[in-house]
Amino acid sequence: MKSNYEKLNTLLDEVLPSSLGNCGPSCAELLDLLRREGRRRRSRTAWVAVMALILTIVLWKHAMPTKTSLAQTPSKPAPLAIRQVNDEQLFALLEDTPAALVSLPDGTTKLLILNP
């Protein structure tokens, strides 16, 4: 009668292949697989670096101000001259525009301009 150890070995021999050479990739195949994976990663890293460089150059060129000549620079606007006008002068400035001065109950006066 066989011992449990012998039965287990017999069962393992039936289930598993006898030569372990066919169970997976060989050493050479595994090394080739690792080399290809390394090349793929380096290639992807290189493409990402190139794209980042191109994007940086494009954004840098876009952000840099263009050189303008003195003829193209706008001149300073003239300072605003503010002066007080009375009611008659205000209506003279408005000429043909329908306008009215309205006194409110709180003592303030508002200018109403009608836009037909």
N, C-alpha and C. Protein backbone atom coordinates (compact mmCIF):
# COMPACT_ATOMS: atom_id res chain seq x y z
N MET A 1 0.84 -1.16 0.00
CA MET A 1 0.00 0.00 0.00
C MET A 1 0.89 1.23 0.00
N LYS A 2 0.47 2.24 -0.81
CA LYS A 2 1.26 3.44 -0.96
C LYS A 2 0.98 4.38 0.20
N SER A 3 2.01 5.12 0.58
CA SER A 3 1.84 6.12 1.64
C SER A 3 1.19 7.37 1.03
N ASN A 4 0.74 8.24 1.90
CA ASN A 4 0.11 9.48 1.44
C ASN A 4 1.08 10.32 0.62
N TYR A 5 2.34 10.29 0.97
CA TYR A 5 3.36 11.05 0.25
C TYR A 5 3.50 10.53 -1.17
N GLU A 6 3.51 9.22 -1.35
CA GLU A 6 3.63 8.63 -2.68
C GLU A 6 2.39 8.91 -3.52
N LYS A 7 1.22 8.86 -2.90
CA LYS A 7 -0.03 9.17 -3.61
C LYS A 7 -0.04 10.62 -4.09
N LEU A 8 0.42 11.51 -3.23
CA LEU A 8 0.47 12.92 -3.57
C LEU A 8 1.43 13.16 -4.74
N ASN A 9 2.58 12.52 -4.73
CA ASN A 9 3.53 12.66 -5.82
C ASN A 9 2.97 12.12 -7.13
N THR A 10 2.28 11.00 -7.07
CA THR A 10 1.67 10.42 -8.26
C THR A 10 0.61 11.37 -8.84
N LEU A 11 -0.21 11.93 -7.95
CA LEU A 11 -1.24 12.86 -8.37
C LEU A 11 -0.61 14.12 -8.99
N LEU A 12 0.44 14.62 -8.37
CA LEU A 12 1.11 15.80 -8.89
C LEU A 12 1.74 15.52 -10.26
N ASP A 13 2.31 14.35 -10.44
CA ASP A 13 2.90 13.99 -11.73
C ASP A 13 1.83 13.91 -12.83
N GLU A 14 0.61 13.48 -12.47
CA GLU A 14 -0.46 13.40 -13.46
C GLU A 14 -0.99 14.80 -13.81
N VAL A 15 -1.08 15.64 -12.81
CA VAL A 15 -1.67 16.97 -13.03
C VAL A 15 -0.67 17.93 -13.65
N LEU A 16 0.55 17.97 -13.13
CA LEU A 16 1.56 18.89 -13.61
C LEU A 16 2.42 18.24 -14.67
N PRO A 17 2.89 19.01 -15.63
CA PRO A 17 3.78 18.42 -16.63
C PRO A 17 5.10 18.00 -15.98
N SER A 18 5.67 16.98 -16.55
CA SER A 18 6.89 16.44 -15.95
C SER A 18 8.09 17.36 -16.17
N SER A 19 8.14 18.04 -17.27
CA SER A 19 9.29 18.92 -17.50
C SER A 19 8.83 20.36 -17.25
N LEU A 20 9.57 21.07 -16.47
CA LEU A 20 9.20 22.43 -16.14
C LEU A 20 9.62 23.42 -17.23
N GLY A 21 10.31 22.97 -18.24
CA GLY A 21 10.74 23.85 -19.33
C GLY A 21 9.58 24.39 -20.14
N ASN A 22 8.46 23.71 -20.18
CA ASN A 22 7.31 24.14 -20.97
C ASN A 22 6.27 24.89 -20.14
N CYS A 23 6.54 25.13 -18.88
CA CYS A 23 5.54 25.75 -18.01
C CYS A 23 5.46 27.27 -18.15
N GLY A 24 6.43 27.87 -18.70
CA GLY A 24 6.41 29.33 -18.80
C GLY A 24 7.49 29.78 -19.76
N PRO A 25 7.71 31.09 -19.80
CA PRO A 25 8.74 31.59 -20.72
C PRO A 25 10.13 31.19 -20.24
N SER A 26 10.98 31.02 -21.20
CA SER A 26 12.36 30.69 -20.86
C SER A 26 13.07 31.94 -20.37
N CYS A 27 14.27 31.77 -19.91
CA CYS A 27 15.05 32.88 -19.39
C CYS A 27 15.30 33.91 -20.50
N ALA A 28 15.60 33.44 -21.69
CA ALA A 28 15.85 34.34 -22.82
C ALA A 28 14.58 35.10 -23.20
N GLU A 29 13.44 34.41 -23.20
CA GLU A 29 12.18 35.06 -23.53
C GLU A 29 11.82 36.12 -22.48
N LEU A 30 12.07 35.79 -21.22
CA LEU A 30 11.79 36.73 -20.14
C LEU A 30 12.68 37.96 -20.24
N LEU A 31 13.96 37.77 -20.53
CA LEU A 31 14.86 38.91 -20.69
C LEU A 31 14.45 39.78 -21.88
N ASP A 32 14.04 39.14 -22.98
CA ASP A 32 13.58 39.88 -24.15
C ASP A 32 12.33 40.69 -23.83
N LEU A 33 11.41 40.09 -23.07
CA LEU A 33 10.19 40.78 -22.66
C LEU A 33 10.53 42.00 -21.79
N LEU A 34 11.46 41.85 -20.88
CA LEU A 34 11.86 42.96 -20.02
C LEU A 34 12.55 44.07 -20.82
N ARG A 35 13.36 43.71 -21.79
CA ARG A 35 14.04 44.72 -22.63
C ARG A 35 13.02 45.50 -23.46
N ARG A 36 12.06 44.80 -24.04
CA ARG A 36 11.03 45.48 -24.83
C ARG A 36 10.20 46.44 -23.96
N GLU A 37 9.88 45.99 -22.76
CA GLU A 37 9.11 46.85 -21.84
C GLU A 37 9.93 48.09 -21.46
N GLY A 38 11.22 47.89 -21.22
CA GLY A 38 12.08 49.03 -20.90
C GLY A 38 12.17 50.01 -22.06
N ARG A 39 12.30 49.50 -23.29
CA ARG A 39 12.34 50.36 -24.47
C ARG A 39 11.03 51.13 -24.64
N ARG A 40 9.93 50.44 -24.41
CA ARG A 40 8.62 51.08 -24.54
C ARG A 40 8.48 52.22 -23.54
N ARG A 41 8.89 51.99 -22.31
CA ARG A 41 8.80 53.04 -21.28
C ARG A 41 9.71 54.22 -21.60
N ARG A 42 10.93 53.93 -22.04
CA ARG A 42 11.85 55.02 -22.39
C ARG A 42 11.31 55.81 -23.57
N SER A 43 10.72 55.12 -24.53
CA SER A 43 10.15 55.79 -25.70
C SER A 43 8.99 56.70 -25.27
N ARG A 44 8.12 56.20 -24.42
CA ARG A 44 6.98 56.99 -23.94
C ARG A 44 7.47 58.21 -23.15
N THR A 45 8.49 58.00 -22.31
CA THR A 45 9.04 59.11 -21.54
C THR A 45 9.66 60.16 -22.46
N ALA A 46 10.34 59.71 -23.51
CA ALA A 46 10.94 60.64 -24.46
C ALA A 46 9.86 61.44 -25.17
N TRP A 47 8.77 60.80 -25.59
CA TRP A 47 7.69 61.52 -26.27
C TRP A 47 7.05 62.54 -25.35
N VAL A 48 6.84 62.18 -24.11
CA VAL A 48 6.25 63.12 -23.15
C VAL A 48 7.18 64.31 -22.95
N ALA A 49 8.49 64.07 -22.87
CA ALA A 49 9.46 65.15 -22.70
C ALA A 49 9.47 66.07 -23.92
N VAL A 50 9.43 65.50 -25.12
CA VAL A 50 9.42 66.30 -26.35
C VAL A 50 8.16 67.15 -26.42
N MET A 51 7.01 66.56 -26.11
CA MET A 51 5.75 67.30 -26.16
C MET A 51 5.74 68.42 -25.12
N ALA A 52 6.28 68.15 -23.93
CA ALA A 52 6.35 69.18 -22.90
C ALA A 52 7.26 70.33 -23.35
N LEU A 53 8.35 70.00 -24.01
CA LEU A 53 9.27 71.03 -24.51
C LEU A 53 8.59 71.88 -25.58
N ILE A 54 7.89 71.25 -26.50
CA ILE A 54 7.19 71.98 -27.56
C ILE A 54 6.11 72.88 -26.95
N LEU A 55 5.35 72.36 -26.01
CA LEU A 55 4.31 73.15 -25.37
C LEU A 55 4.91 74.33 -24.62
N THR A 56 6.03 74.12 -23.95
CA THR A 56 6.69 75.21 -23.23
C THR A 56 7.14 76.30 -24.20
N ILE A 57 7.72 75.91 -25.32
CA ILE A 57 8.18 76.89 -26.31
C ILE A 57 7.00 77.67 -26.88
N VAL A 58 5.93 76.98 -27.22
CA VAL A 58 4.76 77.66 -27.79
C VAL A 58 4.17 78.64 -26.78
N LEU A 59 4.00 78.21 -25.54
CA LEU A 59 3.44 79.10 -24.53
C LEU A 59 4.37 80.27 -24.23
N TRP A 60 5.68 80.03 -24.26
CA TRP A 60 6.64 81.08 -23.98
C TRP A 60 6.60 82.13 -25.09
N LYS A 61 6.53 81.66 -26.33
CA LYS A 61 6.45 82.59 -27.47
C LYS A 61 5.15 83.39 -27.42
N HIS A 62 4.07 82.72 -27.02
CA HIS A 62 2.77 83.39 -26.94
C HIS A 62 2.75 84.43 -25.82
N ALA A 63 3.43 84.17 -24.72
CA ALA A 63 3.41 85.06 -23.58
C ALA A 63 4.35 86.25 -23.74
N MET A 64 5.36 86.13 -24.60
CA MET A 64 6.31 87.23 -24.78
C MET A 64 5.66 88.35 -25.57
N PRO A 65 5.81 89.61 -25.10
CA PRO A 65 5.22 90.72 -25.86
C PRO A 65 5.99 90.95 -27.15
N THR A 66 5.25 91.35 -28.15
CA THR A 66 5.90 91.63 -29.43
C THR A 66 6.52 93.02 -29.35
N LYS A 67 7.62 93.19 -30.04
CA LYS A 67 8.29 94.49 -30.04
C LYS A 67 7.50 95.44 -30.93
N THR A 68 7.21 96.61 -30.37
CA THR A 68 6.47 97.60 -31.13
C THR A 68 7.36 98.82 -31.32
N SER A 69 7.18 99.46 -32.44
CA SER A 69 7.97 100.66 -32.70
C SER A 69 7.29 101.85 -32.02
N LEU A 70 7.99 102.95 -31.95
CA LEU A 70 7.45 104.13 -31.30
C LEU A 70 6.24 104.68 -32.04
N ALA A 71 6.18 104.48 -33.34
CA ALA A 71 5.05 104.99 -34.12
C ALA A 71 3.76 104.26 -33.77
N GLN A 72 3.86 103.03 -33.30
CA GLN A 72 2.67 102.25 -33.00
C GLN A 72 2.16 102.45 -31.58
N THR A 73 2.96 103.04 -30.71
CA THR A 73 2.52 103.21 -29.32
C THR A 73 1.49 104.32 -29.26
N PRO A 74 0.40 104.08 -28.54
CA PRO A 74 -0.65 105.10 -28.46
C PRO A 74 -0.17 106.27 -27.61
N SER A 75 -0.59 107.46 -28.00
CA SER A 75 -0.21 108.64 -27.22
C SER A 75 -1.10 108.73 -25.99
N LYS A 76 -0.64 109.48 -25.00
CA LYS A 76 -1.42 109.64 -23.77
C LYS A 76 -2.65 110.48 -24.09
N PRO A 77 -3.79 110.10 -23.54
CA PRO A 77 -4.99 110.90 -23.77
C PRO A 77 -4.86 112.24 -23.05
N ALA A 78 -5.51 113.22 -23.61
CA ALA A 78 -5.48 114.54 -22.99
C ALA A 78 -6.22 114.48 -21.66
N PRO A 79 -5.73 115.18 -20.68
CA PRO A 79 -6.43 115.17 -19.38
C PRO A 79 -7.81 115.79 -19.52
N LEU A 80 -8.75 115.27 -18.77
CA LEU A 80 -10.12 115.76 -18.83
C LEU A 80 -10.20 117.09 -18.09
N ALA A 81 -10.85 118.03 -18.72
CA ALA A 81 -11.07 119.32 -18.09
C ALA A 81 -12.50 119.33 -17.56
N ILE A 82 -12.64 119.39 -16.28
CA ILE A 82 -13.98 119.38 -15.67
C ILE A 82 -14.26 120.81 -15.19
N ARG A 83 -15.41 121.29 -15.60
CA ARG A 83 -15.81 122.63 -15.16
C ARG A 83 -17.27 122.58 -14.77
N GLN A 84 -17.64 123.48 -13.91
CA GLN A 84 -19.03 123.55 -13.47
C GLN A 84 -19.81 124.41 -14.45
N VAL A 85 -21.05 123.98 -14.70
CA VAL A 85 -21.93 124.74 -15.59
C VAL A 85 -23.23 125.00 -14.86
N ASN A 86 -23.88 126.08 -15.21
CA ASN A 86 -25.19 126.36 -14.61
C ASN A 86 -26.27 125.72 -15.48
N ASP A 87 -27.50 125.89 -15.08
CA ASP A 87 -28.61 125.23 -15.77
C ASP A 87 -28.73 125.68 -17.23
N GLU A 88 -28.57 126.97 -17.50
CA GLU A 88 -28.70 127.46 -18.87
C GLU A 88 -27.59 126.90 -19.76
N GLN A 89 -26.37 126.83 -19.22
CA GLN A 89 -25.25 126.29 -19.99
C GLN A 89 -25.45 124.79 -20.26
N LEU A 90 -26.02 124.08 -19.27
CA LEU A 90 -26.30 122.65 -19.44
C LEU A 90 -27.30 122.43 -20.57
N PHE A 91 -28.36 123.21 -20.59
CA PHE A 91 -29.35 123.06 -21.66
C PHE A 91 -28.76 123.47 -23.01
N ALA A 92 -27.84 124.41 -23.01
CA ALA A 92 -27.19 124.81 -24.26
C ALA A 92 -26.30 123.69 -24.78
N LEU A 93 -25.68 122.93 -23.90
CA LEU A 93 -24.86 121.79 -24.33
C LEU A 93 -25.72 120.68 -24.93
N LEU A 94 -26.93 120.54 -24.39
CA LEU A 94 -27.82 119.46 -24.87
C LEU A 94 -28.57 119.85 -26.13
N GLU A 95 -28.60 121.11 -26.48
CA GLU A 95 -29.23 121.67 -27.67
C GLU A 95 -30.60 121.08 -27.97
N ASP A 96 -30.72 120.21 -28.97
CA ASP A 96 -32.02 119.71 -29.42
C ASP A 96 -32.47 118.46 -28.68
N THR A 97 -31.74 118.02 -27.69
CA THR A 97 -32.11 116.81 -26.95
C THR A 97 -33.17 117.19 -25.90
N PRO A 98 -34.29 116.47 -25.90
CA PRO A 98 -35.31 116.78 -24.90
C PRO A 98 -34.80 116.43 -23.50
N ALA A 99 -34.76 117.43 -22.62
CA ALA A 99 -34.25 117.23 -21.26
C ALA A 99 -35.02 118.11 -20.30
N ALA A 100 -35.00 117.73 -19.02
CA ALA A 100 -35.71 118.51 -18.00
C ALA A 100 -34.96 118.37 -16.68
N LEU A 101 -35.02 119.43 -15.85
CA LEU A 101 -34.51 119.39 -14.49
C LEU A 101 -35.69 119.17 -13.56
N VAL A 102 -35.60 118.17 -12.71
CA VAL A 102 -36.70 117.84 -11.81
C VAL A 102 -36.20 118.01 -10.39
N SER A 103 -36.95 118.75 -9.58
CA SER A 103 -36.63 118.93 -8.17
C SER A 103 -37.42 117.90 -7.37
N LEU A 104 -36.73 117.12 -6.57
CA LEU A 104 -37.36 116.09 -5.76
C LEU A 104 -37.75 116.67 -4.40
N PRO A 105 -38.68 116.03 -3.67
CA PRO A 105 -39.13 116.55 -2.37
C PRO A 105 -38.00 116.66 -1.33
N ASP A 106 -36.94 115.85 -1.47
CA ASP A 106 -35.86 115.92 -0.49
C ASP A 106 -34.89 117.06 -0.78
N GLY A 107 -35.13 117.86 -1.83
CA GLY A 107 -34.32 119.01 -2.14
C GLY A 107 -33.27 118.77 -3.22
N THR A 108 -33.10 117.53 -3.70
CA THR A 108 -32.12 117.27 -4.74
C THR A 108 -32.74 117.54 -6.11
N THR A 109 -31.89 117.83 -7.05
CA THR A 109 -32.32 118.11 -8.42
C THR A 109 -31.73 117.04 -9.33
N LYS A 110 -32.53 116.47 -10.21
CA LYS A 110 -32.11 115.43 -11.14
C LYS A 110 -32.30 115.92 -12.57
N LEU A 111 -31.39 115.52 -13.44
CA LEU A 111 -31.49 115.85 -14.86
C LEU A 111 -32.08 114.64 -15.56
N LEU A 112 -33.18 114.82 -16.26
CA LEU A 112 -33.82 113.76 -17.04
C LEU A 112 -33.60 114.04 -18.51
N ILE A 113 -33.06 113.05 -19.22
CA ILE A 113 -32.84 113.18 -20.66
C ILE A 113 -33.70 112.12 -21.33
N LEU A 114 -34.53 112.55 -22.23
CA LEU A 114 -35.43 111.62 -22.93
C LEU A 114 -34.78 111.14 -24.20
N ASN A 115 -34.81 109.86 -24.41
CA ASN A 115 -34.26 109.24 -25.61
C ASN A 115 -35.41 108.73 -26.44
N PRO A 116 -35.80 109.46 -27.50
CA PRO A 116 -36.95 109.01 -28.29
C PRO A 116 -36.63 107.78 -29.12
